Amino acid sequence: MSYDIRFYRHQKKDKDLSSFTAVVKDTDLWVGVDSKSYRPEFKTKVEDLVWKERRGLEDFIRKEPEFKTSLEPYLVPPGAPSLAVIMARAGNQVGVGPMAAVAAAFAELVGKELMKLAEEVIVENGGDLFLKIKKKRKISVYAGEDSPFSNRLALEVRPSETPLGICTSSGIVGPSYSKGKAHGVVVVSPSTPLADAAATYLGNMIMDKEDVEKALEESKKISDIKGVLIIKDDKLGAWGKIRLTSP
């Protein structure tokens, strides 16, 4: 993954959050909720939800195999499952394939369901985040071992800005597909699937440092994007509601 939130998985965990993981095939979620709201049955609830939505999506892909392989906007047919529609809509808005939004779509799906039961919810899926928080949180930036910015910067997120999606694409770090060579493109949006798709779209533009400004200008044309952070080699560029602080 191309960035890390300071309180999940192998990072230091905030004591006010109770967390668990839910794994269904290759959907590997980390979920944190405020300890006051946490219930042990949340894990089963999340796994059941992901199983249900994955079955529907996999059945659809068997009928529409190009949905999974397309790197271009995709027009879903009538009767497509809601998750496929959400993914396609996000990809279509920025001109990429629907699978560019799959990790974030599951993160947001789970996050919105748990918002009905908990005051604070944070869901991470493959480095893509959905957040609904009650106090300020930090997301530390990781852009590869050769980046001078890795683990030296963090994004500050305030409660009033959430629910919020924060997603990253990288051509250097992690398994996600990118045509570009950015160390990290972080996109912030109220729509987590859109943030995911937009990060892929903008990341595809970055081949060298001179492309950072061009990608930032392009990001301003995307409706519902609140902020973008781009790292390429020793160059960092940011636009919008990106609040940088120490990790």
Protein backbone atom coordinates (compact mmCIF):
# COMPACT_ATOMS: atom_id res chain seq x y z
CA MET A 1 0.00 0.00 0.00
CA SER A 2 1.20 3.51 -0.61
CA TYR A 3 0.24 5.14 2.66
CA ASP A 4 -0.45 4.04 6.18
CA ILE A 5 -2.89 5.27 8.78
CA ARG A 6 -1.04 5.50 12.08
CA PHE A 7 -3.49 3.49 14.15
CA TYR A 8 -4.15 0.41 12.05
CA ARG A 9 -2.50 -2.94 11.50
CA HIS A 10 1.27 -2.78 11.99
CA GLN A 11 1.23 0.85 13.10
CA LYS A 12 0.62 2.11 16.62
CA LYS A 13 -3.04 1.69 17.53
CA ASP A 14 -5.13 4.39 19.17
CA LYS A 15 -6.39 3.19 22.52
CA ASP A 16 -9.87 4.61 22.00
CA LEU A 17 -10.54 2.32 19.03
CA SER A 18 -11.44 -1.35 19.01
CA SER A 19 -10.43 -3.11 15.81
CA PHE A 20 -10.75 -6.36 13.92
CA THR A 21 -10.01 -7.76 10.49
CA ALA A 22 -12.50 -9.36 8.13
CA VAL A 23 -11.20 -11.43 5.22
CA VAL A 24 -13.42 -12.74 2.44
CA LYS A 25 -11.37 -14.17 -0.43
CA ASP A 26 -9.11 -11.31 -1.53
CA THR A 27 -11.14 -8.65 0.28
CA ASP A 28 -9.03 -8.00 3.38
CA LEU A 29 -10.53 -5.33 5.62
CA TRP A 30 -9.26 -3.66 8.76
CA VAL A 31 -12.11 -2.10 10.74
CA GLY A 32 -11.83 0.25 13.70
CA VAL A 33 -14.78 1.55 15.72
CA ASP A 34 -14.95 3.56 18.91
CA SER A 35 -14.60 1.26 21.90
CA LYS A 36 -17.86 2.48 23.43
CA SER A 37 -19.85 1.26 20.42
CA TYR A 38 -17.87 -1.89 19.65
CA ARG A 39 -19.62 -5.26 19.78
CA PRO A 40 -17.98 -8.67 19.06
CA GLU A 41 -20.71 -9.49 16.54
CA PHE A 42 -19.54 -6.65 14.26
CA LYS A 43 -16.97 -8.97 12.67
CA THR A 44 -19.60 -11.51 11.62
CA LYS A 45 -21.89 -8.76 10.41
CA VAL A 46 -19.14 -7.32 8.19
CA GLU A 47 -18.13 -10.72 6.82
CA ASP A 48 -21.75 -11.60 5.98
CA LEU A 49 -22.20 -8.27 4.20
CA VAL A 50 -19.01 -8.66 2.17
CA TRP A 51 -19.88 -12.27 1.23
CA LYS A 52 -23.31 -11.16 0.01
CA GLU A 53 -21.98 -8.25 -2.06
CA ARG A 54 -19.07 -10.27 -3.46
CA ARG A 55 -21.40 -13.03 -4.63
CA GLY A 56 -23.55 -10.51 -6.44
CA LEU A 57 -20.55 -8.84 -8.03
CA GLU A 58 -18.91 -12.13 -9.04
CA ASP A 59 -22.16 -13.39 -10.60
CA PHE A 60 -22.39 -10.16 -12.56
CA ILE A 61 -18.76 -10.42 -13.75
CA ARG A 62 -19.38 -13.95 -15.03
CA LYS A 63 -22.06 -12.47 -17.29
CA GLU A 64 -20.08 -9.31 -18.08
CA PRO A 65 -16.38 -10.35 -18.00
CA GLU A 66 -15.26 -7.08 -19.61
CA PHE A 67 -16.38 -5.27 -16.47
CA LYS A 68 -13.37 -6.77 -14.68
CA THR A 69 -10.78 -6.21 -17.41
CA SER A 70 -11.79 -2.85 -18.87
CA LEU A 71 -9.42 0.07 -18.31
CA GLU A 72 -11.94 2.42 -19.90
CA PRO A 73 -15.37 3.72 -18.80
CA TYR A 74 -17.96 0.96 -18.73
CA LEU A 75 -21.71 1.18 -19.26
CA VAL A 76 -23.38 -1.33 -16.97
CA PRO A 77 -26.63 -2.94 -18.21
CA PRO A 78 -29.98 -2.62 -16.45
CA GLY A 79 -30.26 -4.85 -13.42
CA ALA A 80 -26.57 -4.67 -12.49
CA PRO A 81 -25.90 -4.97 -8.74
CA SER A 82 -25.65 -1.68 -6.89
CA LEU A 83 -21.95 -2.16 -6.11
CA ALA A 84 -21.16 -2.55 -9.82
CA VAL A 85 -23.14 0.60 -10.59
CA ILE A 86 -21.24 2.56 -7.91
CA MET A 87 -17.88 1.35 -9.23
CA ALA A 88 -18.76 2.10 -12.85
CA ARG A 89 -20.10 5.54 -11.99
CA ALA A 90 -16.85 6.44 -10.19
CA GLY A 91 -14.67 5.13 -13.02
CA ASN A 92 -16.78 6.79 -15.70
CA GLN A 93 -16.50 10.17 -13.99
CA VAL A 94 -12.73 10.22 -14.47
CA GLY A 95 -12.33 7.96 -17.51
CA VAL A 96 -10.98 4.73 -16.00
CA GLY A 97 -12.33 1.19 -15.65
CA PRO A 98 -14.73 0.24 -12.86
CA MET A 99 -12.30 -2.07 -11.05
CA ALA A 100 -10.22 1.00 -10.18
CA ALA A 101 -12.85 1.66 -7.50
CA VAL A 102 -13.45 -1.86 -6.16
CA ALA A 103 -11.40 -1.67 -2.94
CA ALA A 104 -12.87 1.68 -1.97
CA ALA A 105 -16.39 0.57 -2.86
CA PHE A 106 -16.17 -2.27 -0.31
CA ALA A 107 -14.59 0.01 2.29
CA GLU A 108 -17.38 2.54 1.95
CA LEU A 109 -20.09 -0.14 1.88
CA VAL A 110 -18.90 -1.55 5.20
CA GLY A 111 -18.28 1.87 6.68
CA LYS A 112 -21.77 3.15 5.95
CA GLU A 113 -23.33 0.00 7.40
CA LEU A 114 -21.35 0.33 10.63
CA MET A 115 -22.16 4.04 10.88
CA LYS A 116 -25.66 2.89 11.86
CA LEU A 117 -24.20 1.17 14.93
CA ALA A 118 -21.10 3.13 15.95
CA GLU A 119 -20.11 6.75 16.51
CA GLU A 120 -16.70 6.35 14.89
CA VAL A 121 -15.88 4.04 11.99
CA ILE A 122 -12.66 3.59 10.04
CA VAL A 123 -12.42 0.96 7.32
CA GLU A 124 -9.26 0.18 5.37
CA ASN A 125 -9.15 -2.04 2.31
CA GLY A 126 -5.88 -2.33 0.42
CA GLY A 127 -4.76 1.07 1.69
CA ASP A 128 -8.01 2.81 0.73
CA LEU A 129 -9.83 4.39 3.65
CA PHE A 130 -13.37 5.30 4.67
CA LEU A 131 -13.56 7.45 7.80
CA LYS A 132 -16.31 8.75 10.06
CA ILE A 133 -14.55 10.17 13.10
CA LYS A 134 -15.31 12.15 16.26
CA LYS A 135 -11.84 13.58 16.88
CA LYS A 136 -8.85 14.61 14.78
CA ARG A 137 -6.91 11.73 13.28
CA LYS A 138 -3.63 11.54 11.38
CA ILE A 139 -2.73 9.54 8.30
CA SER A 140 1.02 9.17 7.85
CA VAL A 141 2.31 9.30 4.30
CA TYR A 142 4.38 6.42 2.97
CA ALA A 143 5.70 6.71 -0.59
CA GLY A 144 8.34 4.00 -0.75
CA GLU A 145 11.71 3.52 0.88
CA ASP A 146 13.47 5.81 -1.60
CA SER A 147 11.14 8.79 -1.04
CA PRO A 148 12.40 11.60 1.23
CA PHE A 149 8.80 12.21 2.31
CA SER A 150 7.96 8.74 3.61
CA ASN A 151 7.00 8.66 7.29
CA ARG A 152 7.82 12.37 7.64
CA LEU A 153 4.41 13.78 6.75
CA ALA A 154 0.82 13.09 7.76
CA LEU A 155 -2.61 14.24 6.69
CA GLU A 156 -4.76 15.67 9.45
CA VAL A 157 -8.45 14.82 9.17
CA ARG A 158 -11.08 16.66 11.20
CA PRO A 159 -14.46 15.24 12.27
CA SER A 160 -16.43 17.91 10.38
CA GLU A 161 -14.87 16.68 7.12
CA THR A 162 -16.21 13.15 7.51
CA PRO A 163 -17.64 10.83 6.23
CA LEU A 164 -14.66 10.92 3.93
CA GLY A 165 -12.71 8.71 1.57
CA ILE A 166 -8.91 8.86 1.29
CA CYS A 167 -7.38 6.71 -1.44
CA THR A 168 -3.97 6.31 -3.00
CA SER A 169 -2.47 5.12 -6.27
CA SER A 170 1.22 4.42 -6.81
CA GLY A 171 3.32 3.22 -9.68
CA ILE A 172 6.20 2.52 -7.29
CA VAL A 173 4.68 1.02 -4.15
CA GLY A 174 2.13 -1.76 -3.75
CA PRO A 175 0.30 -4.11 -6.13
CA SER A 176 -2.29 -1.69 -7.54
CA TYR A 177 -2.16 -1.19 -11.30
CA SER A 178 -0.94 2.17 -12.58
CA LYS A 179 0.31 3.32 -15.97
CA GLY A 180 2.35 6.01 -14.23
CA LYS A 181 5.38 6.13 -11.98
CA ALA A 182 4.22 8.30 -9.10
CA HIS A 183 5.45 7.42 -5.64
CA GLY A 184 2.01 8.32 -4.37
CA VAL A 185 -1.16 10.12 -5.46
CA VAL A 186 -3.54 10.64 -2.53
CA VAL A 187 -7.11 11.81 -3.26
CA VAL A 188 -9.63 13.01 -0.71
CA SER A 189 -13.35 12.94 -1.50
CA PRO A 190 -16.71 12.43 0.23
CA SER A 191 -17.10 9.52 -2.21
CA THR A 192 -14.54 6.84 -1.41
CA PRO A 193 -15.01 5.03 -4.77
CA LEU A 194 -14.48 8.33 -6.62
CA ALA A 195 -11.33 9.01 -4.60
CA ASP A 196 -10.04 5.56 -5.61
CA ALA A 197 -10.83 5.99 -9.30
CA ALA A 198 -9.45 9.54 -9.37
CA ALA A 199 -6.20 8.44 -7.71
CA THR A 200 -5.74 5.89 -10.50
CA TYR A 201 -6.59 8.45 -13.19
CA LEU A 202 -4.18 11.09 -11.85
CA GLY A 203 -1.50 8.52 -11.09
CA ASN A 204 -1.55 7.40 -14.71
CA MET A 205 -0.36 10.89 -15.71
CA ILE A 206 2.77 10.93 -13.57
CA MET A 207 5.86 9.74 -15.41
CA ASP A 208 8.34 12.32 -14.08
CA LYS A 209 8.46 15.30 -11.73
CA GLU A 210 7.32 17.74 -14.38
CA ASP A 211 3.93 15.98 -14.52
CA VAL A 212 2.98 16.82 -10.92
CA GLU A 213 1.65 20.31 -11.66
CA LYS A 214 -0.25 19.08 -14.72
CA ALA A 215 -1.98 16.38 -12.68
CA LEU A 216 -2.87 18.84 -9.92
CA GLU A 217 -4.46 21.17 -12.45
CA GLU A 218 -6.40 18.26 -13.93
CA SER A 219 -7.65 17.26 -10.48
CA LYS A 220 -9.36 20.64 -10.09
CA LYS A 221 -11.70 19.71 -12.94
CA ILE A 222 -13.09 16.67 -11.11
CA SER A 223 -16.32 17.37 -9.26
CA ASP A 224 -16.48 16.24 -5.61
CA ILE A 225 -12.72 16.00 -5.15
CA LYS A 226 -11.71 17.94 -2.04
CA GLY A 227 -7.94 17.62 -2.17
CA VAL A 228 -4.97 15.89 -3.80
CA LEU A 229 -1.42 15.16 -2.69
CA ILE A 230 1.15 13.96 -5.23
CA ILE A 231 4.68 12.71 -4.63
CA LYS A 232 7.15 11.96 -7.40
CA ASP A 233 10.79 11.46 -6.44
CA ASP A 234 11.77 14.51 -4.34
CA LYS A 235 8.86 16.66 -5.52
CA LEU A 236 5.63 17.09 -3.57
CA GLY A 237 2.55 18.96 -4.76
CA ALA A 238 -0.80 19.51 -3.08
CA TRP A 239 -4.12 21.14 -3.85
CA GLY A 240 -7.36 21.67 -1.95
CA LYS A 241 -8.12 20.60 1.61
CA ILE A 242 -4.85 18.85 2.32
CA ARG A 243 -3.66 19.62 5.85
CA LEU A 244 -0.07 18.42 6.30
CA THR A 245 1.39 17.83 9.75
CA SER A 246 3.96 15.61 11.45
CA PRO A 247 3.10 11.90 11.88
